[in-house]
Amino acid sequence: MPEANQIVFDNKELLELLLKKADVHEGKWILQIMFGFGPGNFGPTPDQMTPGVVVAVQKIGIQRATDETPVEMTIDAAVVNPPPEK
């Protein structure tokens, strides 16, 4: 089998992995991404500089869903990461 050069996850797969890593077993959760913004002047040459902004992903986490959260964005931790049986 050839060596994988890329492995990607969609939002719900990433959320499920984070719930398992955080050992969360109850509640409905959504993916949370914190961005950082940095303004500056950008261009390939000094004569072509224009104002712009850089957007960087600073943190990725999970956040408990509210009643207003679209159900399509949520994952139930009890379903994807049930508590261990005693």
PDB file of N, CA and C in Angstrom:
ATOM      1  N   MET A   1       0.845  -1.177   0.000  1.00  0.00           N
ATOM      2  CA  MET A   1       0.000   0.000   0.000  1.00  0.00           C
ATOM      3  C   MET A   1       0.893   1.244   0.000  1.00  0.00           C
ATOM      4  N   PRO A   2       0.611   2.221  -0.876  1.00  0.00           N
ATOM      5  CA  PRO A   2       1.458   3.411  -0.931  1.00  0.00           C
ATOM      6  C   PRO A   2       1.327   4.241   0.339  1.00  0.00           C
ATOM      7  N   GLU A   3       2.390   4.966   0.639  1.00  0.00           N
ATOM      8  CA  GLU A   3       2.405   5.843   1.813  1.00  0.00           C
ATOM      9  C   GLU A   3       1.479   7.032   1.585  1.00  0.00           C
ATOM     10  N   ALA A   4       0.674   7.351   2.600  1.00  0.00           N
ATOM     11  CA  ALA A   4      -0.242   8.493   2.503  1.00  0.00           C
ATOM     12  C   ALA A   4       0.539   9.792   2.656  1.00  0.00           C
ATOM     13  N   ASN A   5       0.260  10.742   1.779  1.00  0.00           N
ATOM     14  CA  ASN A   5       0.887  12.050   1.854  1.00  0.00           C
ATOM     15  C   ASN A   5      -0.018  13.076   2.503  1.00  0.00           C
ATOM     16  N   GLN A   6      -1.303  12.739   2.613  1.00  0.00           N
ATOM     17  CA  GLN A   6      -2.269  13.669   3.169  1.00  0.00           C
ATOM     18  C   GLN A   6      -3.390  12.880   3.816  1.00  0.00           C
ATOM     19  N   ILE A   7      -3.802  13.316   4.984  1.00  0.00           N
ATOM     20  CA  ILE A   7      -4.975  12.755   5.649  1.00  0.00           C
ATOM     21  C   ILE A   7      -5.813  13.949   6.089  1.00  0.00           C
ATOM     22  N   VAL A   8      -7.054  14.000   5.653  1.00  0.00           N
ATOM     23  CA  VAL A   8      -7.909  15.139   5.979  1.00  0.00           C
ATOM     24  C   VAL A   8      -9.152  14.662   6.728  1.00  0.00           C
ATOM     25  N   PHE A   9      -9.708  15.566   7.531  1.00  0.00           N
ATOM     26  CA  PHE A   9     -10.907  15.293   8.301  1.00  0.00           C
ATOM     27  C   PHE A   9     -11.900  16.416   8.055  1.00  0.00           C
ATOM     28  N   ASP A  10     -13.185  16.068   7.936  1.00  0.00           N
ATOM     29  CA  ASP A  10     -14.188  17.130   7.839  1.00  0.00           C
ATOM     30  C   ASP A  10     -14.510  17.622   9.249  1.00  0.00           C
ATOM     31  N   ASN A  11     -15.343  18.635   9.349  1.00  0.00           N
ATOM     32  CA  ASN A  11     -15.625  19.262  10.640  1.00  0.00           C
ATOM     33  C   ASN A  11     -16.164  18.290  11.674  1.00  0.00           C
ATOM     34  N   LYS A  12     -17.096  17.437  11.280  1.00  0.00           N
ATOM     35  CA  LYS A  12     -17.695  16.505  12.244  1.00  0.00           C
ATOM     36  C   LYS A  12     -16.695  15.430  12.668  1.00  0.00           C
ATOM     37  N   GLU A  13     -15.853  14.980  11.754  1.00  0.00           N
ATOM     38  CA  GLU A  13     -14.826  13.998  12.129  1.00  0.00           C
ATOM     39  C   GLU A  13     -13.843  14.611  13.120  1.00  0.00           C
ATOM     40  N   LEU A  14     -13.454  15.842  12.883  1.00  0.00           N
ATOM     41  CA  LEU A  14     -12.541  16.533  13.792  1.00  0.00           C
ATOM     42  C   LEU A  14     -13.194  16.743  15.157  1.00  0.00           C
ATOM     43  N   LEU A  15     -14.448  17.129  15.169  1.00  0.00           N
ATOM     44  CA  LEU A  15     -15.184  17.312  16.411  1.00  0.00           C
ATOM     45  C   LEU A  15     -15.264  15.998  17.195  1.00  0.00           C
ATOM     46  N   GLU A  16     -15.540  14.910  16.517  1.00  0.00           N
ATOM     47  CA  GLU A  16     -15.599  13.604  17.181  1.00  0.00           C
ATOM     48  C   GLU A  16     -14.247  13.239  17.794  1.00  0.00           C
ATOM     49  N   LEU A  17     -13.168  13.458  17.064  1.00  0.00           N
ATOM     50  CA  LEU A  17     -11.834  13.177  17.595  1.00  0.00           C
ATOM     51  C   LEU A  17     -11.529  14.017  18.834  1.00  0.00           C
ATOM     52  N   LEU A  18     -11.912  15.296  18.800  1.00  0.00           N
ATOM     53  CA  LEU A  18     -11.661  16.175  19.943  1.00  0.00           C
ATOM     54  C   LEU A  18     -12.496  15.776  21.159  1.00  0.00           C
ATOM     55  N   LEU A  19     -13.742  15.362  20.942  1.00  0.00           N
ATOM     56  CA  LEU A  19     -14.571  14.895  22.056  1.00  0.00           C
ATOM     57  C   LEU A  19     -13.944  13.677  22.726  1.00  0.00           C
ATOM     58  N   LYS A  20     -13.432  12.773  21.913  1.00  0.00           N
ATOM     59  CA  LYS A  20     -12.794  11.571  22.471  1.00  0.00           C
ATOM     60  C   LYS A  20     -11.504  11.928  23.201  1.00  0.00           C
ATOM     61  N   LYS A  21     -10.709  12.815  22.637  1.00  0.00           N
ATOM     62  CA  LYS A  21      -9.459  13.238  23.267  1.00  0.00           C
ATOM     63  C   LYS A  21      -9.721  13.945  24.597  1.00  0.00           C
ATOM     64  N   ALA A  22     -10.781  14.757  24.646  1.00  0.00           N
ATOM     65  CA  ALA A  22     -11.127  15.490  25.862  1.00  0.00           C
ATOM     66  C   ALA A  22     -11.908  14.621  26.851  1.00  0.00           C
ATOM     67  N   ASP A  23     -12.224  13.379  26.475  1.00  0.00           N
ATOM     68  CA  ASP A  23     -12.940  12.432  27.335  1.00  0.00           C
ATOM     69  C   ASP A  23     -14.314  12.968  27.731  1.00  0.00           C
ATOM     70  N   VAL A  24     -15.009  13.572  26.751  1.00  0.00           N
ATOM     71  CA  VAL A  24     -16.351  14.110  26.972  1.00  0.00           C
ATOM     72  C   VAL A  24     -17.365  13.039  26.577  1.00  0.00           C
ATOM     73  N   HIS A  25     -18.319  12.755  27.476  1.00  0.00           N
ATOM     74  CA  HIS A  25     -19.278  11.672  27.243  1.00  0.00           C
ATOM     75  C   HIS A  25     -20.732  12.131  27.217  1.00  0.00           C
ATOM     76  N   GLU A  26     -20.984  13.415  27.408  1.00  0.00           N
ATOM     77  CA  GLU A  26     -22.370  13.876  27.408  1.00  0.00           C
ATOM     78  C   GLU A  26     -22.472  15.284  26.840  1.00  0.00           C
ATOM     79  N   GLY A  27     -23.665  15.591  26.371  1.00  0.00           N
ATOM     80  CA  GLY A  27     -23.930  16.925  25.845  1.00  0.00           C
ATOM     81  C   GLY A  27     -23.760  17.004  24.343  1.00  0.00           C
ATOM     82  N   LYS A  28     -24.299  18.057  23.785  1.00  0.00           N
ATOM     83  CA  LYS A  28     -24.173  18.321  22.348  1.00  0.00           C
ATOM     84  C   LYS A  28     -23.124  19.409  22.168  1.00  0.00           C
ATOM     85  N   TRP A  29     -22.252  19.210  21.203  1.00  0.00           N
ATOM     86  CA  TRP A  29     -21.078  20.050  21.036  1.00  0.00           C
ATOM     87  C   TRP A  29     -20.913  20.488  19.592  1.00  0.00           C
ATOM     88  N   ILE A  30     -20.191  21.606  19.414  1.00  0.00           N
ATOM     89  CA  ILE A  30     -19.834  22.103  18.083  1.00  0.00           C
ATOM     90  C   ILE A  30     -18.331  22.373  18.048  1.00  0.00           C
ATOM     91  N   LEU A  31     -17.807  22.444  16.832  1.00  0.00           N
ATOM     92  CA  LEU A  31     -16.402  22.774  16.629  1.00  0.00           C
ATOM     93  C   LEU A  31     -16.209  24.271  16.832  1.00  0.00           C
ATOM     94  N   GLN A  32     -15.129  24.640  17.493  1.00  0.00           N
ATOM     95  CA  GLN A  32     -14.816  26.042  17.745  1.00  0.00           C
ATOM     96  C   GLN A  32     -13.437  26.328  17.143  1.00  0.00           C
ATOM     97  N   ILE A  33     -13.339  27.389  16.362  1.00  0.00           N
ATOM     98  CA  ILE A  33     -12.057  27.788  15.779  1.00  0.00           C
ATOM     99  C   ILE A  33     -11.819  29.254  16.118  1.00  0.00           C
ATOM    100  N   MET A  34     -10.661  29.544  16.688  1.00  0.00           N
ATOM    101  CA  MET A  34     -10.304  30.923  17.038  1.00  0.00           C
ATOM    102  C   MET A  34      -9.306  31.438  16.007  1.00  0.00           C
ATOM    103  N   PHE A  35      -9.637  32.586  15.437  1.00  0.00           N
ATOM    104  CA  PHE A  35      -8.805  33.177  14.401  1.00  0.00           C
ATOM    105  C   PHE A  35      -8.040  34.380  14.948  1.00  0.00           C
ATOM    106  N   GLY A  36      -6.893  34.640  14.360  1.00  0.00           N
ATOM    107  CA  GLY A  36      -6.139  35.854  14.616  1.00  0.00           C
ATOM    108  C   GLY A  36      -6.033  36.628  13.319  1.00  0.00           C
ATOM    109  N   PHE A  37      -6.091  37.936  13.408  1.00  0.00           N
ATOM    110  CA  PHE A  37      -6.019  38.794  12.226  1.00  0.00           C
ATOM    111  C   PHE A  37      -4.849  39.756  12.376  1.00  0.00           C
ATOM    112  N   GLY A  38      -4.091  39.929  11.306  1.00  0.00           N
ATOM    113  CA  GLY A  38      -2.970  40.852  11.331  1.00  0.00           C
ATOM    114  C   GLY A  38      -2.968  41.722  10.094  1.00  0.00           C
ATOM    115  N   PRO A  39      -3.162  43.027  10.260  1.00  0.00           N
ATOM    116  CA  PRO A  39      -3.149  43.929   9.111  1.00  0.00           C
ATOM    117  C   PRO A  39      -1.716  44.214   8.658  1.00  0.00           C
ATOM    118  N   GLY A  40      -1.603  44.607   7.415  1.00  0.00           N
ATOM    119  CA  GLY A  40      -0.292  44.966   6.890  1.00  0.00           C
ATOM    120  C   GLY A  40      -0.385  45.429   5.454  1.00  0.00           C
ATOM    121  N   ASN A  41       0.752  45.724   4.889  1.00  0.00           N
ATOM    122  CA  ASN A  41       0.840  46.067   3.470  1.00  0.00           C
ATOM    123  C   ASN A  41       1.507  44.899   2.767  1.00  0.00           C
ATOM    124  N   PHE A  42       0.871  44.409   1.712  1.00  0.00           N
ATOM    125  CA  PHE A  42       1.340  43.206   1.044  1.00  0.00           C
ATOM    126  C   PHE A  42       1.437  43.429  -0.456  1.00  0.00           C
ATOM    127  N   GLY A  43       2.379  42.752  -1.068  1.00  0.00           N
ATOM    128  CA  GLY A  43       2.521  42.815  -2.514  1.00  0.00           C
ATOM    129  C   GLY A  43       3.798  42.132  -2.951  1.00  0.00           C
ATOM    130  N   PRO A  44       3.847  41.711  -4.197  1.00  0.00           N
ATOM    131  CA  PRO A  44       5.033  41.006  -4.690  1.00  0.00           C
ATOM    132  C   PRO A  44       6.258  41.916  -4.817  1.00  0.00           C
ATOM    133  N   THR A  45       6.019  43.215  -4.992  1.00  0.00           N
ATOM    134  CA  THR A  45       7.117  44.185  -5.069  1.00  0.00           C
ATOM    135  C   THR A  45       6.706  45.435  -4.292  1.00  0.00           C
ATOM    136  N   PRO A  46       7.652  46.273  -3.892  1.00  0.00           N
ATOM    137  CA  PRO A  46       7.289  47.510  -3.177  1.00  0.00           C
ATOM    138  C   PRO A  46       6.325  48.402  -3.961  1.00  0.00           C
ATOM    139  N   ASP A  47       6.434  48.415  -5.274  1.00  0.00           N
ATOM    140  CA  ASP A  47       5.543  49.242  -6.092  1.00  0.00           C
ATOM    141  C   ASP A  47       4.118  48.705  -6.145  1.00  0.00           C
ATOM    142  N   GLN A  48       3.918  47.440  -5.798  1.00  0.00           N
ATOM    143  CA  GLN A  48       2.599  46.822  -5.883  1.00  0.00           C
ATOM    144  C   GLN A  48       1.980  46.559  -4.502  1.00  0.00           C
ATOM    145  N   MET A  49       2.498  47.214  -3.478  1.00  0.00           N
ATOM    146  CA  MET A  49       1.974  47.026  -2.131  1.00  0.00           C
ATOM    147  C   MET A  49       0.556  47.556  -2.013  1.00  0.00           C
ATOM    148  N   THR A  50      -0.297  46.807  -1.311  1.00  0.00           N
ATOM    149  CA  THR A  50      -1.656  47.241  -1.013  1.00  0.00           C
ATOM    150  C   THR A  50      -2.003  46.815   0.413  1.00  0.00           C
ATOM    151  N   PRO A  51      -2.924  47.523   1.046  1.00  0.00           N
ATOM    152  CA  PRO A  51      -3.334  47.119   2.389  1.00  0.00           C
ATOM    153  C   PRO A  51      -4.024  45.751   2.337  1.00  0.00           C
ATOM    154  N   GLY A  52      -3.801  44.971   3.370  1.00  0.00           N
ATOM    155  CA  GLY A  52      -4.422  43.654   3.431  1.00  0.00           C
ATOM    156  C   GLY A  52      -4.427  43.124   4.851  1.00  0.00           C
ATOM    157  N   VAL A  53      -4.837  41.903   4.983  1.00  0.00           N
ATOM    158  CA  VAL A  53      -4.896  41.274   6.293  1.00  0.00           C
ATOM    159  C   VAL A  53      -4.525  39.795   6.156  1.00  0.00           C
ATOM    160  N   VAL A  54      -3.840  39.292   7.174  1.00  0.00           N
ATOM    161  CA  VAL A  54      -3.515  37.871   7.254  1.00  0.00           C
ATOM    162  C   VAL A  54      -4.445  37.257   8.281  1.00  0.00           C
ATOM    163  N   VAL A  55      -5.037  36.125   7.944  1.00  0.00           N
ATOM    164  CA  VAL A  55      -5.910  35.407   8.870  1.00  0.00           C
ATOM    165  C   VAL A  55      -5.207  34.107   9.242  1.00  0.00           C
ATOM    166  N   ALA A  56      -5.065  33.878  10.548  1.00  0.00           N
ATOM    167  CA  ALA A  56      -4.385  32.674  11.024  1.00  0.00           C
ATOM    168  C   ALA A  56      -5.300  31.917  11.982  1.00  0.00           C
ATOM    169  N   VAL A  57      -5.297  30.594  11.872  1.00  0.00           N
ATOM    170  CA  VAL A  57      -6.004  29.760  12.847  1.00  0.00           C
ATOM    171  C   VAL A  57      -5.106  29.668  14.074  1.00  0.00           C
ATOM    172  N   GLN A  58      -5.594  30.170  15.220  1.00  0.00           N
ATOM    173  CA  GLN A  58      -4.793  30.159  16.441  1.00  0.00           C
ATOM    174  C   GLN A  58      -5.084  28.962  17.325  1.00  0.00           C
ATOM    175  N   LYS A  59      -6.357  28.589  17.428  1.00  0.00           N
ATOM    176  CA  LYS A  59      -6.744  27.458  18.273  1.00  0.00           C
ATOM    177  C   LYS A  59      -7.953  26.766  17.670  1.00  0.00           C
ATOM    178  N   ILE A  60      -8.059  25.474  17.915  1.00  0.00           N
ATOM    179  CA  ILE A  60      -9.229  24.695  17.528  1.00  0.00           C
ATOM    180  C   ILE A  60      -9.702  23.973  18.774  1.00  0.00           C
ATOM    181  N   GLY A  61     -11.001  24.013  19.035  1.00  0.00           N
ATOM    182  CA  GLY A  61     -11.528  23.368  20.231  1.00  0.00           C
ATOM    183  C   GLY A  61     -12.972  22.961  20.050  1.00  0.00           C
ATOM    184  N   ILE A  62     -13.620  22.686  21.181  1.00  0.00           N
ATOM    185  CA  ILE A  62     -15.026  22.312  21.180  1.00  0.00           C
ATOM    186  C   ILE A  62     -15.784  23.266  22.079  1.00  0.00           C
ATOM    187  N   GLN A  63     -17.058  23.444  21.786  1.00  0.00           N
ATOM    188  CA  GLN A  63     -17.910  24.341  22.563  1.00  0.00           C
ATOM    189  C   GLN A  63     -19.276  23.686  22.688  1.00  0.00           C
ATOM    190  N   ARG A  64     -19.850  23.757  23.886  1.00  0.00           N
ATOM    191  CA  ARG A  64     -21.177  23.180  24.097  1.00  0.00           C
ATOM    192  C   ARG A  64     -22.194  23.926  23.227  1.00  0.00           C
ATOM    193  N   ALA A  65     -23.030  23.182  22.548  1.00  0.00           N
ATOM    194  CA  ALA A  65     -24.052  23.767  21.681  1.00  0.00           C
ATOM    195  C   ALA A  65     -25.165  24.390  22.519  1.00  0.00           C
ATOM    196  N   THR A  66     -25.801  25.408  21.968  1.00  0.00           N
ATOM    197  CA  THR A  66     -26.960  26.034  22.608  1.00  0.00           C
ATOM    198  C   THR A  66     -28.225  25.583  21.889  1.00  0.00           C
ATOM    199  N   ASP A  67     -29.371  25.996  22.394  1.00  0.00           N
ATOM    200  CA  ASP A  67     -30.641  25.640  21.748  1.00  0.00           C
ATOM    201  C   ASP A  67     -30.753  26.245  20.352  1.00  0.00           C
ATOM    202  N   GLU A  68     -30.035  27.357  20.121  1.00  0.00           N
ATOM    203  CA  GLU A  68     -30.106  28.029  18.821  1.00  0.00           C
ATOM    204  C   GLU A  68     -29.128  27.453  17.793  1.00  0.00           C
ATOM    205  N   THR A  69     -28.225  26.586  18.230  1.00  0.00           N
ATOM    206  CA  THR A  69     -27.225  26.027  17.321  1.00  0.00           C
ATOM    207  C   THR A  69     -27.903  25.107  16.306  1.00  0.00           C
ATOM    208  N   PRO A  70     -27.628  25.283  15.013  1.00  0.00           N
ATOM    209  CA  PRO A  70     -28.200  24.379  14.008  1.00  0.00           C
ATOM    210  C   PRO A  70     -27.781  22.932  14.292  1.00  0.00           C
ATOM    211  N   VAL A  71     -28.750  22.040  14.274  1.00  0.00           N
ATOM    212  CA  VAL A  71     -28.497  20.643  14.621  1.00  0.00           C
ATOM    213  C   VAL A  71     -27.473  20.006  13.676  1.00  0.00           C
ATOM    214  N   GLU A  72     -27.387  20.510  12.448  1.00  0.00           N
ATOM    215  CA  GLU A  72     -26.429  19.965  11.479  1.00  0.00           C
ATOM    216  C   GLU A  72     -24.979  20.202  11.894  1.00  0.00           C
ATOM    217  N   MET A  73     -24.755  21.148  12.799  1.00  0.00           N
ATOM    218  CA  MET A  73     -23.396  21.474  13.234  1.00  0.00           C
ATOM    219  C   MET A  73     -22.999  20.756  14.521  1.00  0.00           C
ATOM    220  N   THR A  74     -23.942  20.057  15.140  1.00  0.00           N
ATOM    221  CA  THR A  74     -23.681  19.483  16.459  1.00  0.00           C
ATOM    222  C   THR A  74     -23.421  17.987  16.409  1.00  0.00           C
ATOM    223  N   ILE A  75     -22.742  17.531  17.434  1.00  0.00           N
ATOM    224  CA  ILE A  75     -22.540  16.093  17.650  1.00  0.00           C
ATOM    225  C   ILE A  75     -22.886  15.809  19.102  1.00  0.00           C
ATOM    226  N   ASP A  76     -23.617  14.734  19.322  1.00  0.00           N
ATOM    227  CA  ASP A  76     -23.969  14.298  20.669  1.00  0.00           C
ATOM    228  C   ASP A  76     -22.843  13.406  21.189  1.00  0.00           C
ATOM    229  N   ALA A  77     -22.169  13.883  22.226  1.00  0.00           N
ATOM    230  CA  ALA A  77     -21.031  13.137  22.778  1.00  0.00           C
ATOM    231  C   ALA A  77     -21.448  11.758  23.284  1.00  0.00           C
ATOM    232  N   ALA A  78     -22.657  11.628  23.793  1.00  0.00           N
ATOM    233  CA  ALA A  78     -23.119  10.333  24.299  1.00  0.00           C
ATOM    234  C   ALA A  78     -23.238   9.295  23.186  1.00  0.00           C
ATOM    235  N   VAL A  79     -23.421   9.757  21.958  1.00  0.00           N
ATOM    236  CA  VAL A  79     -23.540   8.837  20.820  1.00  0.00           C
ATOM    237  C   VAL A  79     -22.161   8.458  20.275  1.00  0.00           C
ATOM    238  N   VAL A  80     -21.291   9.450  20.071  1.00  0.00           N
ATOM    239  CA  VAL A  80     -19.990   9.170  19.454  1.00  0.00           C
ATOM    240  C   VAL A  80     -18.918   8.738  20.457  1.00  0.00           C
ATOM    241  N   ASN A  81     -19.138   9.046  21.747  1.00  0.00           N
ATOM    242  CA  ASN A  81     -18.158   8.694  22.771  1.00  0.00           C
ATOM    243  C   ASN A  81     -18.879   8.312  24.065  1.00  0.00           C
ATOM    244  N   PRO A  82     -19.624   7.193  24.028  1.00  0.00           N
ATOM    245  CA  PRO A  82     -20.383   6.814  25.222  1.00  0.00           C
ATOM    246  C   PRO A  82     -19.459   6.548  26.410  1.00  0.00           C
ATOM    247  N   PRO A  83     -19.981   6.779  27.623  1.00  0.00           N
ATOM    248  CA  PRO A  83     -19.146   6.506  28.792  1.00  0.00           C
ATOM    249  C   PRO A  83     -18.815   5.027  28.912  1.00  0.00           C
ATOM    250  N   PRO A  84     -17.658   4.705  29.453  1.00  0.00           N
ATOM    251  CA  PRO A  84     -17.314   3.284  29.612  1.00  0.00           C
ATOM    252  C   PRO A  84     -18.276   2.620  30.595  1.00  0.00           C
ATOM    253  N   GLU A  85     -18.545   1.359  30.336  1.00  0.00           N
ATOM    254  CA  GLU A  85     -19.418   0.612  31.247  1.00  0.00           C
ATOM    255  C   GLU A  85     -18.686   0.288  32.527  1.00  0.00           C
ATOM    256  N   LYS A  86     -19.420   0.340  33.640  1.00  0.00           N
ATOM    257  CA  LYS A  86     -18.812   0.087  34.943  1.00  0.00           C
ATOM    258  C   LYS A  86     -18.770  -1.385  35.261  1.00  0.00           C
TER     259      LYS A  86
END
